[in-house]
């Protein structure tokens, strides 16, 4: 998300109307429902995390303990158990 100057993007009359409610502060304008994208849709993060989680599940099935996986992936054991539970159910 990037910031835009209201002076550059809003008509002067609309800017003055907004200033009546919030003057000189930040305001977040959410996307329209039609334009919303699911988390990770613009980057490879979702795919990377899914691959990592699959790798964690495979290693656990091969005999690695949750504590070993937590140390190896720099996660808490609770996070490892969550990943394992989701992986076993899918």
Protein backbone atom coordinates (compact mmCIF):
# COMPACT_ATOMS: atom_id res chain seq x y z
CA UNK A 1 0.00 0.00 0.00
CA UNK A 2 1.33 3.41 -0.86
CA UNK A 3 0.31 6.83 0.32
CA UNK A 4 -1.04 9.42 -2.06
CA UNK A 5 -1.45 13.13 -1.40
CA UNK A 6 -5.12 14.00 -1.18
CA UNK A 7 -4.35 17.29 -2.96
CA UNK A 8 -3.17 15.29 -5.96
CA UNK A 9 -6.03 12.79 -6.25
CA UNK A 10 -9.21 14.33 -4.83
CA UNK A 11 -11.26 17.21 -6.23
CA UNK A 12 -10.86 20.34 -4.10
CA UNK A 13 -14.51 20.29 -2.99
CA UNK A 14 -14.27 16.68 -1.80
CA UNK A 15 -10.99 17.36 -0.01
CA UNK A 16 -12.58 20.26 1.89
CA UNK A 17 -15.53 18.04 2.84
CA UNK A 18 -13.20 15.33 4.18
CA UNK A 19 -11.22 17.95 6.12
CA UNK A 20 -14.38 18.78 8.06
CA UNK A 21 -14.22 15.29 9.59
CA UNK A 22 -10.50 14.61 9.74
CA UNK A 23 -8.01 17.43 9.29
CA UNK A 24 -4.31 16.74 8.86
CA UNK A 25 -4.44 13.08 9.95
CA UNK A 26 -4.09 9.78 8.14
CA UNK A 27 -7.16 8.02 6.85
CA UNK A 28 -7.37 4.56 5.32
CA UNK A 29 -9.76 4.12 2.41
CA UNK A 30 -10.53 0.42 1.91
CA UNK A 31 -10.79 -1.21 -1.47
CA UNK A 32 -14.15 -1.81 -3.04
CA UNK A 33 -15.35 -5.38 -2.41
CA UNK A 34 -15.03 -6.17 -6.13
CA UNK A 35 -11.33 -5.24 -6.13
CA UNK A 36 -10.22 -7.20 -3.05
CA UNK A 37 -7.63 -9.90 -3.62
CA UNK A 38 -7.00 -12.85 -1.33
CA UNK A 39 -3.93 -12.74 0.90
CA UNK A 40 -0.74 -13.53 -1.01
CA UNK A 41 -2.27 -13.09 -4.46
CA UNK A 42 0.29 -10.49 -5.57
CA UNK A 43 3.39 -12.27 -4.31
CA UNK A 44 4.86 -15.75 -4.07
CA UNK A 45 4.49 -15.75 -0.27
CA UNK A 46 1.46 -18.01 -0.24
CA UNK A 47 3.13 -20.61 -2.48
CA UNK A 48 6.38 -20.41 -0.52
CA UNK A 49 4.57 -20.93 2.78
CA UNK A 50 2.54 -23.83 1.40
CA UNK A 51 5.73 -25.52 0.15
CA UNK A 52 7.41 -24.99 3.54
CA UNK A 53 4.40 -26.41 5.37
CA UNK A 54 4.32 -29.45 3.07
CA UNK A 55 8.02 -29.97 3.74
CA UNK A 56 7.38 -29.77 7.50
CA UNK A 57 4.60 -32.35 7.24
CA UNK A 58 6.77 -34.68 5.14
CA UNK A 59 9.67 -34.45 7.61
CA UNK A 60 7.32 -35.12 10.52
CA UNK A 61 5.93 -38.18 8.76
CA UNK A 62 9.54 -39.31 8.20
CA UNK A 63 10.16 -39.18 11.96
CA UNK A 64 11.23 -35.64 12.91
CA UNK A 65 9.75 -34.40 16.17
CA UNK A 66 7.86 -31.13 16.47
CA UNK A 67 10.66 -29.70 18.62
CA UNK A 68 13.27 -30.53 15.97
CA UNK A 69 11.12 -28.97 13.25
CA UNK A 70 10.56 -25.86 15.38
CA UNK A 71 14.31 -25.41 15.76
CA UNK A 72 14.97 -26.08 12.09
CA UNK A 73 12.32 -23.65 10.79
CA UNK A 74 12.62 -21.04 13.56
CA UNK A 75 8.99 -21.52 14.62
CA UNK A 76 7.37 -22.34 17.94
CA UNK A 77 6.32 -25.90 18.59
CA UNK A 78 2.75 -24.62 18.79
CA UNK A 79 3.08 -23.28 15.22
CA UNK A 80 4.47 -26.62 14.08
CA UNK A 81 1.51 -28.46 15.60
CA UNK A 82 -0.90 -26.09 13.83
CA UNK A 83 0.84 -26.76 10.51
CA UNK A 84 0.73 -30.50 11.13
CA UNK A 85 -2.96 -30.45 12.01
CA UNK A 86 -3.86 -28.49 8.88
CA UNK A 87 -1.66 -30.72 6.72
CA UNK A 88 -3.15 -33.94 8.05
CA UNK A 89 -6.70 -32.66 7.40
CA UNK A 90 -6.04 -31.66 3.80
